[in-house]
Amino acid sequence: SPEAFSTPYEFVHLHGGEGSLHLILAPLDAALAVERGWAVRFPLAGAGSWVGHAEGRVLVYAPRDEGEVTVVKQLVNAGYQYLTG
């Protein structure tokens, strides 16, 4: 699914300094992640090379413990599933 990529090469990237990540999810998954407090809509979504991804683009908060790492892994997996259909 080409709309799942944020650039021609990625659907997710980690911010190494603080552990948050940008991720593209299916629009309904993104809405659920935001609703449940795991993510926020990425404020620059829809700008430049990001056009067409605004509904699914989120900034996922850095996990603070192993339980939250599990949730973030599930979110990344959901992004991968969206990417691969």
Protein backbone atom coordinates (compact mmCIF):
# COMPACT_ATOMS: atom_id res chain seq x y z
CA SER A 1 0.00 0.00 0.00
CA PRO A 2 2.00 3.05 -1.21
CA GLU A 3 0.07 5.45 1.05
CA ALA A 4 1.52 3.63 4.06
CA PHE A 5 5.02 5.00 3.43
CA SER A 6 6.11 8.32 4.92
CA THR A 7 8.91 8.50 2.38
CA PRO A 8 9.70 6.08 -0.42
CA TYR A 9 11.64 4.02 2.18
CA GLU A 10 9.95 4.06 5.57
CA PHE A 11 6.67 3.84 7.45
CA VAL A 12 8.24 4.32 10.90
CA HIS A 13 11.34 5.87 12.40
CA LEU A 14 12.64 6.04 15.94
CA HIS A 15 13.94 9.20 17.58
CA GLY A 16 17.00 7.74 19.30
CA GLY A 17 17.58 10.55 21.77
CA GLU A 18 14.25 10.25 23.54
CA GLY A 19 12.59 7.10 22.18
CA SER A 20 9.45 8.47 20.53
CA LEU A 21 8.72 7.50 16.95
CA HIS A 22 6.87 8.67 13.88
CA LEU A 23 4.60 6.01 12.48
CA ILE A 24 2.03 5.69 9.74
CA LEU A 25 -0.99 3.61 10.70
CA ALA A 26 -4.28 2.88 9.02
CA PRO A 27 -6.48 5.92 9.68
CA LEU A 28 -8.75 4.04 12.11
CA ASP A 29 -5.75 2.60 14.00
CA ALA A 30 -4.22 6.08 14.24
CA ALA A 31 -7.47 7.46 15.64
CA LEU A 32 -7.58 4.65 18.22
CA ALA A 33 -3.94 5.17 19.25
CA VAL A 34 -4.64 8.88 19.78
CA GLU A 35 -7.90 8.20 21.62
CA ARG A 36 -6.16 5.76 23.99
CA GLY A 37 -3.33 8.21 24.72
CA TRP A 38 -0.48 6.32 23.05
CA ALA A 39 0.08 8.89 20.31
CA VAL A 40 -0.73 12.34 19.00
CA ARG A 41 -1.39 13.41 15.45
CA PHE A 42 1.86 14.53 13.87
CA PRO A 43 1.52 18.32 13.46
CA LEU A 44 3.38 18.50 10.13
CA ALA A 45 1.41 15.69 8.53
CA GLY A 46 0.23 16.65 5.09
CA ALA A 47 3.20 18.94 4.37
CA GLY A 48 5.73 18.40 1.61
CA SER A 49 6.56 14.73 0.98
CA TRP A 50 4.08 13.76 3.69
CA VAL A 51 1.02 14.75 1.60
CA GLY A 52 -1.55 12.00 1.50
CA HIS A 53 -0.59 10.49 4.86
CA ALA A 54 -2.13 12.97 7.30
CA GLU A 55 -4.92 10.75 8.63
CA GLY A 56 -2.57 7.95 9.67
CA ARG A 57 0.55 9.87 10.67
CA VAL A 58 1.19 9.91 14.41
CA LEU A 59 3.94 10.61 16.90
CA VAL A 60 4.01 7.69 19.34
CA TYR A 61 5.20 8.50 22.85
CA ALA A 62 8.40 6.86 24.13
CA PRO A 63 7.67 3.78 26.23
CA ARG A 64 8.58 4.02 29.91
CA ASP A 65 8.52 0.36 30.88
CA GLU A 66 8.33 -3.14 29.38
CA GLY A 67 4.52 -3.09 29.28
CA GLU A 68 4.57 0.06 27.19
CA VAL A 69 7.30 -1.40 24.96
CA THR A 70 4.85 -4.22 24.19
CA VAL A 71 2.16 -1.72 23.17
CA VAL A 72 4.58 0.23 20.96
CA LYS A 73 5.64 -3.03 19.28
CA GLN A 74 1.96 -3.77 18.62
CA LEU A 75 1.53 -0.32 17.06
CA VAL A 76 4.57 -0.80 14.82
CA ASN A 77 3.23 -4.23 13.83
CA ALA A 78 -0.12 -2.62 12.97
CA GLY A 79 1.74 -0.12 10.76
CA TYR A 80 3.57 -2.98 9.07
CA GLN A 81 0.30 -4.84 8.51
CA TYR A 82 -1.18 -1.68 6.95
CA LEU A 83 1.90 -1.35 4.76
CA THR A 84 1.80 -4.92 3.53
CA GLY A 85 -1.97 -5.18 3.29
